[in-house]
Amino acid sequence: MALHKPQQSPCFLKGLCIALLLLLTGCAGLLQGSYSAVPDDQRRYVLESLRQKEATIRTLRGLFQASVSGLLFSQRFNGMMSYDSPDQVHLRGFLRFGVPMMEFHREGNSYELYFPAENQMITGQVNGGSVQTEWDQTVQLSIRALDAVLGKIAGLSSAEIRVLKDATHYRLDMMDVRSDDSTAQEDFIVRTWVDAQTLELTSIEYRQSYDDEVVVSVECEDYRDVVALSASGQGPIRLPFVVKATDHRSIGGSITLRFQEFVLNAV
């Protein structure tokens, strides 16, 4: 009599692979002798603090100078940013003497990129889609940089997050799974470093889940207090005024944003 062998669902198998990947990346850090796992109460404190900071930023306006190298073009320009939680972003870029260079609008996973000089409109998906454009990589790198300013960390809502610590930093290892139908080539291991004293985000690495190669890295510097304009009584929030995102692939490049001013939670 033949025995029936139960079939495991793709979701179950994918979850098992994710847990194994996180376990292996954590073990690698332990073998290096610098990081060790934190107690559960400390883990909850770190994660809740990061999630609370992200939730506190309801709206954010900013003036910045951008420097872009590689990618599809190299350019320096001034810009204005407008963010409304959870995922509406509007950017305007200007050349010298206030000449409009581009406008970018994101809502959810969709984006529009407009170049007024050429009267050209480009539409696409932030996380890729069935139809991709040559601008997707540049847009995704820009979003990584802006997410770091906003304290958004891909995968932070997941329950499978390893929190480790050395003398100066916490390290968070988590998976950014785009969907149950995505392949290993589309998923990332997100490795994040947070200052152990201030809980300020210092750097993020997005690594390919199948070979652990770094695809994108983000560095945050020059944290300053930003006071909310709303009469909520909340204290100041510390935000990074310099953020650099680097794409490490062969056709990659970098984007550096230097902010001059933020307006937080304006009524």
C-alpha atoms as a PDB file:
ATOM      1  CA  MET A   1       0.000   0.000   0.000  1.00  0.00           C
ATOM      2  CA  ALA A   2       1.542   3.322  -1.094  1.00  0.00           C
ATOM      3  CA  LEU A   3       1.750   6.007   1.540  1.00  0.00           C
ATOM      4  CA  HIS A   4       0.499   9.478   0.663  1.00  0.00           C
ATOM      5  CA  LYS A   5       3.206  12.115   1.108  1.00  0.00           C
ATOM      6  CA  PRO A   6       1.724  15.485   2.125  1.00  0.00           C
ATOM      7  CA  GLN A   7       2.614  18.425  -0.094  1.00  0.00           C
ATOM      8  CA  GLN A   8       3.868  21.613   1.543  1.00  0.00           C
ATOM      9  CA  SER A   9       2.424  24.888   0.271  1.00  0.00           C
ATOM     10  CA  PRO A  10       4.722  27.387  -1.493  1.00  0.00           C
ATOM     11  CA  CYS A  11       4.043  29.921   1.293  1.00  0.00           C
ATOM     12  CA  PHE A  12       5.141  27.423   3.955  1.00  0.00           C
ATOM     13  CA  LEU A  13       8.319  26.553   2.072  1.00  0.00           C
ATOM     14  CA  LYS A  14       9.114  30.218   1.477  1.00  0.00           C
ATOM     15  CA  GLY A  15       8.627  31.006   5.164  1.00  0.00           C
ATOM     16  CA  LEU A  16      10.938  28.140   6.088  1.00  0.00           C
ATOM     17  CA  CYS A  17      13.614  29.476   3.720  1.00  0.00           C
ATOM     18  CA  ILE A  18      13.286  32.978   5.199  1.00  0.00           C
ATOM     19  CA  ALA A  19      13.743  31.679   8.748  1.00  0.00           C
ATOM     20  CA  LEU A  20      16.804  29.684   7.665  1.00  0.00           C
ATOM     21  CA  LEU A  21      18.353  32.700   5.914  1.00  0.00           C
ATOM     22  CA  LEU A  22      17.898  34.908   8.980  1.00  0.00           C
ATOM     23  CA  LEU A  23      19.384  32.212  11.200  1.00  0.00           C
ATOM     24  CA  LEU A  24      22.431  31.866   8.964  1.00  0.00           C
ATOM     25  CA  THR A  25      23.050  35.619   8.728  1.00  0.00           C
ATOM     26  CA  GLY A  26      22.803  35.891  12.492  1.00  0.00           C
ATOM     27  CA  CYS A  27      25.236  33.027  12.996  1.00  0.00           C
ATOM     28  CA  ALA A  28      27.706  34.674  10.644  1.00  0.00           C
ATOM     29  CA  GLY A  29      27.737  37.788  12.818  1.00  0.00           C
ATOM     30  CA  LEU A  30      28.230  35.706  15.957  1.00  0.00           C
ATOM     31  CA  LEU A  31      31.175  33.875  14.410  1.00  0.00           C
ATOM     32  CA  GLN A  32      32.815  37.238  13.749  1.00  0.00           C
ATOM     33  CA  GLY A  33      32.862  37.744  17.507  1.00  0.00           C
ATOM     34  CA  SER A  34      31.466  41.286  17.458  1.00  0.00           C
ATOM     35  CA  TYR A  35      27.692  40.910  17.740  1.00  0.00           C
ATOM     36  CA  SER A  36      25.513  38.919  20.113  1.00  0.00           C
ATOM     37  CA  ALA A  37      21.755  38.461  20.304  1.00  0.00           C
ATOM     38  CA  VAL A  38      19.921  40.743  22.739  1.00  0.00           C
ATOM     39  CA  PRO A  39      17.291  39.608  25.305  1.00  0.00           C
ATOM     40  CA  ASP A  40      13.658  39.578  24.176  1.00  0.00           C
ATOM     41  CA  ASP A  41      12.676  42.663  26.206  1.00  0.00           C
ATOM     42  CA  GLN A  42      15.548  44.658  24.702  1.00  0.00           C
ATOM     43  CA  ARG A  43      14.615  43.441  21.224  1.00  0.00           C
ATOM     44  CA  ARG A  44      11.008  44.615  21.716  1.00  0.00           C
ATOM     45  CA  TYR A  45      12.201  48.009  23.000  1.00  0.00           C
ATOM     46  CA  VAL A  46      14.435  48.635  19.967  1.00  0.00           C
ATOM     47  CA  LEU A  47      11.799  47.589  17.428  1.00  0.00           C
ATOM     48  CA  GLU A  48       8.976  49.532  19.088  1.00  0.00           C
ATOM     49  CA  SER A  49      11.140  52.662  19.306  1.00  0.00           C
ATOM     50  CA  LEU A  50      11.910  52.515  15.576  1.00  0.00           C
ATOM     51  CA  ARG A  51       8.290  51.828  14.652  1.00  0.00           C
ATOM     52  CA  GLN A  52       7.074  54.672  16.881  1.00  0.00           C
ATOM     53  CA  LYS A  53       9.449  57.156  15.251  1.00  0.00           C
ATOM     54  CA  GLU A  54       8.204  56.198  11.792  1.00  0.00           C
ATOM     55  CA  ALA A  55       4.566  56.519  12.917  1.00  0.00           C
ATOM     56  CA  THR A  56       5.232  59.954  14.452  1.00  0.00           C
ATOM     57  CA  ILE A  57       6.184  61.473  11.083  1.00  0.00           C
ATOM     58  CA  ARG A  58       2.779  62.187   9.538  1.00  0.00           C
ATOM     59  CA  THR A  59       3.926  64.896   7.124  1.00  0.00           C
ATOM     60  CA  LEU A  60       7.361  66.226   6.233  1.00  0.00           C
ATOM     61  CA  ARG A  61       8.462  69.058   3.966  1.00  0.00           C
ATOM     62  CA  GLY A  62      12.089  69.685   3.125  1.00  0.00           C
ATOM     63  CA  LEU A  63      14.535  71.721   1.040  1.00  0.00           C
ATOM     64  CA  PHE A  64      17.604  69.882  -0.208  1.00  0.00           C
ATOM     65  CA  GLN A  65      20.586  69.846  -2.546  1.00  0.00           C
ATOM     66  CA  ALA A  66      20.987  66.637  -4.542  1.00  0.00           C
ATOM     67  CA  SER A  67      24.074  65.153  -6.155  1.00  0.00           C
ATOM     68  CA  VAL A  68      23.540  62.285  -8.602  1.00  0.00           C
ATOM     69  CA  SER A  69      26.382  60.318 -10.186  1.00  0.00           C
ATOM     70  CA  GLY A  70      26.236  57.353 -12.531  1.00  0.00           C
ATOM     71  CA  LEU A  71      22.806  55.851 -13.160  1.00  0.00           C
ATOM     72  CA  LEU A  72      21.261  57.539 -16.240  1.00  0.00           C
ATOM     73  CA  PHE A  73      22.803  60.965 -15.616  1.00  0.00           C
ATOM     74  CA  SER A  74      25.133  62.935 -13.358  1.00  0.00           C
ATOM     75  CA  GLN A  75      23.734  66.192 -12.033  1.00  0.00           C
ATOM     76  CA  ARG A  76      23.628  68.577  -9.096  1.00  0.00           C
ATOM     77  CA  PHE A  77      20.374  70.384  -8.392  1.00  0.00           C
ATOM     78  CA  ASN A  78      18.224  71.924  -5.686  1.00  0.00           C
ATOM     79  CA  GLY A  79      14.931  70.397  -4.700  1.00  0.00           C
ATOM     80  CA  MET A  80      11.797  70.450  -2.572  1.00  0.00           C
ATOM     81  CA  MET A  81      10.294  67.371  -0.905  1.00  0.00           C
ATOM     82  CA  SER A  82       6.761  66.822   0.346  1.00  0.00           C
ATOM     83  CA  TYR A  83       5.721  63.640   2.196  1.00  0.00           C
ATOM     84  CA  ASP A  84       2.344  62.542   3.540  1.00  0.00           C
ATOM     85  CA  SER A  85       2.047  59.284   5.464  1.00  0.00           C
ATOM     86  CA  PRO A  86       1.985  56.509   4.587  1.00  0.00           C
ATOM     87  CA  ASP A  87       3.422  56.624   1.060  1.00  0.00           C
ATOM     88  CA  GLN A  88       2.721  59.860  -0.821  1.00  0.00           C
ATOM     89  CA  VAL A  89       5.894  61.637  -1.970  1.00  0.00           C
ATOM     90  CA  HIS A  90       6.261  64.660  -4.236  1.00  0.00           C
ATOM     91  CA  LEU A  91       9.650  66.004  -5.355  1.00  0.00           C
ATOM     92  CA  ARG A  92      10.529  68.999  -7.500  1.00  0.00           C
ATOM     93  CA  GLY A  93      14.033  69.584  -8.837  1.00  0.00           C
ATOM     94  CA  PHE A  94      15.446  72.902 -10.073  1.00  0.00           C
ATOM     95  CA  LEU A  95      18.579  73.885 -11.944  1.00  0.00           C
ATOM     96  CA  ARG A  96      20.297  77.251 -11.526  1.00  0.00           C
ATOM     97  CA  PHE A  97      18.093  80.353 -11.443  1.00  0.00           C
ATOM     98  CA  GLY A  98      15.084  78.202 -10.508  1.00  0.00           C
ATOM     99  CA  VAL A  99      14.705  76.494 -13.895  1.00  0.00           C
ATOM    100  CA  PRO A 100      12.414  73.443 -13.390  1.00  0.00           C
ATOM    101  CA  MET A 101      14.272  70.190 -14.029  1.00  0.00           C
ATOM    102  CA  MET A 102      11.895  67.419 -13.016  1.00  0.00           C
ATOM    103  CA  GLU A 103       8.847  66.510 -10.944  1.00  0.00           C
ATOM    104  CA  PHE A 104       8.359  63.186  -9.214  1.00  0.00           C
ATOM    105  CA  HIS A 105       5.177  61.890  -7.611  1.00  0.00           C
ATOM    106  CA  ARG A 106       4.700  58.627  -5.778  1.00  0.00           C
ATOM    107  CA  GLU A 107       1.478  57.184  -4.409  1.00  0.00           C
ATOM    108  CA  GLY A 108       1.644  53.630  -3.136  1.00  0.00           C
ATOM    109  CA  ASN A 109       3.632  51.511  -5.555  1.00  0.00           C
ATOM    110  CA  SER A 110       3.024  53.795  -8.565  1.00  0.00           C
ATOM    111  CA  TYR A 111       5.176  56.713  -9.630  1.00  0.00           C
ATOM    112  CA  GLU A 112       5.180  59.486 -12.235  1.00  0.00           C
ATOM    113  CA  LEU A 113       8.362  61.230 -13.367  1.00  0.00           C
ATOM    114  CA  TYR A 114       7.985  64.359 -15.481  1.00  0.00           C
ATOM    115  CA  PHE A 115      10.719  66.259 -17.349  1.00  0.00           C
ATOM    116  CA  PRO A 116       9.303  69.670 -18.368  1.00  0.00           C
ATOM    117  CA  ALA A 117      12.129  70.567 -20.781  1.00  0.00           C
ATOM    118  CA  GLU A 118      11.283  67.551 -22.941  1.00  0.00           C
ATOM    119  CA  ASN A 119       7.593  67.512 -21.973  1.00  0.00           C
ATOM    120  CA  GLN A 120       8.162  63.817 -21.159  1.00  0.00           C
ATOM    121  CA  MET A 121       6.103  61.827 -18.644  1.00  0.00           C
ATOM    122  CA  ILE A 122       7.323  58.429 -17.387  1.00  0.00           C
ATOM    123  CA  THR A 123       5.173  56.122 -15.281  1.00  0.00           C
ATOM    124  CA  GLY A 124       6.236  52.968 -13.488  1.00  0.00           C
ATOM    125  CA  GLN A 125       6.166  50.854 -10.333  1.00  0.00           C
ATOM    126  CA  VAL A 126       8.428  51.543  -7.348  1.00  0.00           C
ATOM    127  CA  ASN A 127       8.926  47.827  -6.671  1.00  0.00           C
ATOM    128  CA  GLY A 128       8.996  46.856 -10.322  1.00  0.00           C
ATOM    129  CA  GLY A 129       6.162  45.459 -12.384  1.00  0.00           C
ATOM    130  CA  SER A 130       5.338  43.570 -15.533  1.00  0.00           C
ATOM    131  CA  VAL A 131       6.402  46.624 -17.561  1.00  0.00           C
ATOM    132  CA  GLN A 132       9.686  48.168 -16.423  1.00  0.00           C
ATOM    133  CA  THR A 133      11.296  51.454 -17.460  1.00  0.00           C
ATOM    134  CA  GLU A 134      14.914  52.547 -17.671  1.00  0.00           C
ATOM    135  CA  TRP A 135      14.241  54.916 -14.758  1.00  0.00           C
ATOM    136  CA  ASP A 136      13.110  52.240 -12.283  1.00  0.00           C
ATOM    137  CA  GLN A 137      16.583  51.736 -10.807  1.00  0.00           C
ATOM    138  CA  THR A 138      17.112  55.474 -10.257  1.00  0.00           C
ATOM    139  CA  VAL A 139      13.648  55.848  -8.718  1.00  0.00           C
ATOM    140  CA  GLN A 140      14.174  52.867  -6.401  1.00  0.00           C
ATOM    141  CA  LEU A 141      17.513  54.266  -5.209  1.00  0.00           C
ATOM    142  CA  SER A 142      15.901  57.667  -4.537  1.00  0.00           C
ATOM    143  CA  ILE A 143      13.113  55.999  -2.555  1.00  0.00           C
ATOM    144  CA  ARG A 144      15.683  54.110  -0.452  1.00  0.00           C
ATOM    145  CA  ALA A 145      17.332  57.426   0.429  1.00  0.00           C
ATOM    146  CA  LEU A 146      14.029  59.137   1.294  1.00  0.00           C
ATOM    147  CA  ASP A 147      12.845  56.149   3.343  1.00  0.00           C
ATOM    148  CA  ALA A 148      15.965  56.471   5.492  1.00  0.00           C
ATOM    149  CA  VAL A 149      15.156  60.140   6.163  1.00  0.00           C
ATOM    150  CA  LEU A 150      11.640  59.120   7.203  1.00  0.00           C
ATOM    151  CA  GLY A 151      12.854  56.267   9.402  1.00  0.00           C
ATOM    152  CA  LYS A 152      11.226  53.691   7.135  1.00  0.00           C
ATOM    153  CA  ILE A 153      13.022  50.333   7.189  1.00  0.00           C
ATOM    154  CA  ALA A 154      11.890  47.655   4.747  1.00  0.00           C
ATOM    155  CA  GLY A 155      10.715  44.555   6.604  1.00  0.00           C
ATOM    156  CA  LEU A 156      10.342  46.315   9.983  1.00  0.00           C
ATOM    157  CA  SER A 157       6.746  45.108  10.315  1.00  0.00           C
ATOM    158  CA  SER A 158       7.870  41.480  10.058  1.00  0.00           C
ATOM    159  CA  ALA A 159       7.837  39.221  13.107  1.00  0.00           C
ATOM    160  CA  GLU A 160      11.041  37.512  11.948  1.00  0.00           C
ATOM    161  CA  ILE A 161      13.641  40.118  12.900  1.00  0.00           C
ATOM    162  CA  ARG A 162      16.936  39.284  14.562  1.00  0.00           C
ATOM    163  CA  VAL A 163      18.354  42.020  16.800  1.00  0.00           C
ATOM    164  CA  LEU A 164      22.015  41.823  17.733  1.00  0.00           C
ATOM    165  CA  LYS A 165      24.355  44.260  19.489  1.00  0.00           C
ATOM    166  CA  ASP A 166      28.023  45.142  19.769  1.00  0.00           C
ATOM    167  CA  ALA A 167      29.652  47.883  21.851  1.00  0.00           C
ATOM    168  CA  THR A 168      28.191  50.782  19.844  1.00  0.00           C
ATOM    169  CA  HIS A 169      25.376  49.601  17.574  1.00  0.00           C
ATOM    170  CA  TYR A 170      22.346  47.380  17.277  1.00  0.00           C
ATOM    171  CA  ARG A 171      22.140  45.340  14.078  1.00  0.00           C
ATOM    172  CA  LEU A 172      18.777  44.269  12.690  1.00  0.00           C
ATOM    173  CA  ASP A 173      18.557  41.431  10.181  1.00  0.00           C
ATOM    174  CA  MET A 174      15.239  40.909   8.405  1.00  0.00           C
ATOM    175  CA  MET A 175      13.736  39.839   5.093  1.00  0.00           C
ATOM    176  CA  ASP A 176      12.027  42.197   2.664  1.00  0.00           C
ATOM    177  CA  VAL A 177       9.705  39.832   0.803  1.00  0.00           C
ATOM    178  CA  ARG A 178       7.833  41.577  -1.988  1.00  0.00           C
ATOM    179  CA  SER A 179       5.058  38.992  -2.236  1.00  0.00           C
ATOM    180  CA  ASP A 180       4.335  35.295  -1.799  1.00  0.00           C
ATOM    181  CA  ASP A 181       4.788  34.914  -5.550  1.00  0.00           C
ATOM    182  CA  SER A 182       8.196  36.621  -5.711  1.00  0.00           C
ATOM    183  CA  THR A 183      11.333  34.645  -6.424  1.00  0.00           C
ATOM    184  CA  ALA A 184      14.535  34.554  -4.381  1.00  0.00           C
ATOM    185  CA  GLN A 185      16.121  36.938  -6.887  1.00  0.00           C
ATOM    186  CA  GLU A 186      13.499  39.574  -6.004  1.00  0.00           C
ATOM    187  CA  ASP A 187      13.736  39.306  -2.197  1.00  0.00           C
ATOM    188  CA  PHE A 188      16.288  41.101  -0.026  1.00  0.00           C
ATOM    189  CA  ILE A 189      17.950  40.565   3.307  1.00  0.00           C
ATOM    190  CA  VAL A 190      17.846  43.995   4.951  1.00  0.00           C
ATOM    191  CA  ARG A 191      20.687  44.600   7.417  1.00  0.00           C
ATOM    192  CA  THR A 192      20.301  47.787   9.454  1.00  0.00           C
ATOM    193  CA  TRP A 193      22.645  49.455  11.943  1.00  0.00           C
ATOM    194  CA  VAL A 194      21.206  51.658  14.699  1.00  0.00           C
ATOM    195  CA  ASP A 195      23.182  53.694  17.237  1.00  0.00           C
ATOM    196  CA  ALA A 196      22.906  51.899  20.576  1.00  0.00           C
ATOM    197  CA  GLN A 197      22.584  55.127  22.615  1.00  0.00           C
ATOM    198  CA  THR A 198      20.425  57.366  20.443  1.00  0.00           C
ATOM    199  CA  LEU A 199      18.607  54.673  18.378  1.00  0.00           C
ATOM    200  CA  GLU A 200      19.368  56.762  15.304  1.00  0.00           C
ATOM    201  CA  LEU A 201      19.549  54.907  12.011  1.00  0.00           C
ATOM    202  CA  THR A 202      23.151  55.006  10.743  1.00  0.00           C
ATOM    203  CA  SER A 203      23.219  52.646   7.746  1.00  0.00           C
ATOM    204  CA  ILE A 204      21.211  50.071   5.806  1.00  0.00           C
ATOM    205  CA  GLU A 205      22.308  47.330   3.419  1.00  0.00           C
ATOM    206  CA  TYR A 206      19.939  45.620   1.007  1.00  0.00           C
ATOM    207  CA  ARG A 207      21.459  42.213   0.217  1.00  0.00           C
ATOM    208  CA  GLN A 208      20.355  39.657  -2.351  1.00  0.00           C
ATOM    209  CA  SER A 209      18.744  36.794  -0.470  1.00  0.00           C
ATOM    210  CA  TYR A 210      20.280  34.075  -2.641  1.00  0.00           C
ATOM    211  CA  ASP A 211      23.969  35.093  -2.472  1.00  0.00           C
ATOM    212  CA  ASP A 212      24.180  37.810   0.268  1.00  0.00           C
ATOM    213  CA  GLU A 213      25.715  40.336  -2.157  1.00  0.00           C
ATOM    214  CA  VAL A 214      25.089  43.988  -1.260  1.00  0.00           C
ATOM    215  CA  VAL A 215      22.874  45.622  -3.909  1.00  0.00           C
ATOM    216  CA  VAL A 216      22.136  48.973  -2.271  1.00  0.00           C
ATOM    217  CA  SER A 217      23.547  50.698   0.811  1.00  0.00           C
ATOM    218  CA  VAL A 218      22.302  53.835   2.566  1.00  0.00           C
ATOM    219  CA  GLU A 219      24.248  55.989   5.043  1.00  0.00           C
ATOM    220  CA  CYS A 220      22.710  58.622   7.342  1.00  0.00           C
ATOM    221  CA  GLU A 221      24.665  61.481   8.944  1.00  0.00           C
ATOM    222  CA  ASP A 222      24.326  64.887  10.601  1.00  0.00           C
ATOM    223  CA  TYR A 223      21.312  64.253  12.843  1.00  0.00           C
ATOM    224  CA  ARG A 224      19.596  67.366  14.189  1.00  0.00           C
ATOM    225  CA  ASP A 225      16.498  68.143  16.246  1.00  0.00           C
ATOM    226  CA  VAL A 226      13.383  68.983  14.228  1.00  0.00           C
ATOM    227  CA  VAL A 227      10.406  70.390  16.127  1.00  0.00           C
ATOM    228  CA  ALA A 228       6.872  69.587  14.965  1.00  0.00           C
ATOM    229  CA  LEU A 229       4.655  72.543  14.069  1.00  0.00           C
ATOM    230  CA  SER A 230       1.455  70.887  15.256  1.00  0.00           C
ATOM    231  CA  ALA A 231       0.223  71.662  18.766  1.00  0.00           C
ATOM    232  CA  SER A 232       0.446  68.040  19.880  1.00  0.00           C
ATOM    233  CA  GLY A 233       2.966  68.674  22.610  1.00  0.00           C
ATOM    234  CA  GLN A 234       5.384  66.104  21.222  1.00  0.00           C
ATOM    235  CA  GLY A 235       9.097  66.695  21.630  1.00  0.00           C
ATOM    236  CA  PRO A 236      11.579  67.205  18.793  1.00  0.00           C
ATOM    237  CA  ILE A 237      12.503  64.369  16.457  1.00  0.00           C
ATOM    238  CA  ARG A 238      16.067  63.878  15.310  1.00  0.00           C
ATOM    239  CA  LEU A 239      16.357  63.508  11.536  1.00  0.00           C
ATOM    240  CA  PRO A 240      19.408  62.986   9.295  1.00  0.00           C
ATOM    241  CA  PHE A 241      20.268  66.052   7.224  1.00  0.00           C
ATOM    242  CA  VAL A 242      22.675  64.091   4.983  1.00  0.00           C
ATOM    243  CA  VAL A 243      21.743  60.795   3.333  1.00  0.00           C
ATOM    244  CA  LYS A 244      23.720  58.913   0.679  1.00  0.00           C
ATOM    245  CA  ALA A 245      22.318  55.928  -1.212  1.00  0.00           C
ATOM    246  CA  THR A 246      24.643  53.825  -3.383  1.00  0.00           C
ATOM    247  CA  ASP A 247      23.734  51.183  -5.954  1.00  0.00           C
ATOM    248  CA  HIS A 248      26.610  48.662  -6.031  1.00  0.00           C
ATOM    249  CA  ARG A 249      25.625  46.909  -9.245  1.00  0.00           C
ATOM    250  CA  SER A 250      27.747  47.318 -12.394  1.00  0.00           C
ATOM    251  CA  ILE A 251      25.374  49.919 -13.842  1.00  0.00           C
ATOM    252  CA  GLY A 252      24.818  51.566 -10.471  1.00  0.00           C
ATOM    253  CA  GLY A 253      25.596  54.979  -9.080  1.00  0.00           C
ATOM    254  CA  SER A 254      24.838  57.118  -6.065  1.00  0.00           C
ATOM    255  CA  ILE A 255      22.468  59.809  -4.815  1.00  0.00           C
ATOM    256  CA  THR A 256      23.362  62.203  -1.991  1.00  0.00           C
ATOM    257  CA  LEU A 257      20.730  64.432  -0.387  1.00  0.00           C
ATOM    258  CA  ARG A 258      21.802  67.350   1.805  1.00  0.00           C
ATOM    259  CA  PHE A 259      18.847  68.976   3.539  1.00  0.00           C
ATOM    260  CA  GLN A 260      18.820  72.621   4.594  1.00  0.00           C
ATOM    261  CA  GLU A 261      15.429  72.642   6.322  1.00  0.00           C
ATOM    262  CA  PHE A 262      12.589  70.370   7.462  1.00  0.00           C
ATOM    263  CA  VAL A 263       8.997  71.235   8.373  1.00  0.00           C
ATOM    264  CA  LEU A 264       7.489  68.426  10.445  1.00  0.00           C
ATOM    265  CA  ASN A 265       3.789  67.629  10.902  1.00  0.00           C
ATOM    266  CA  ALA A 266       2.492  70.962   9.674  1.00  0.00           C
ATOM    267  CA  VAL A 267      -1.245  71.417  10.239  1.00  0.00           C
END
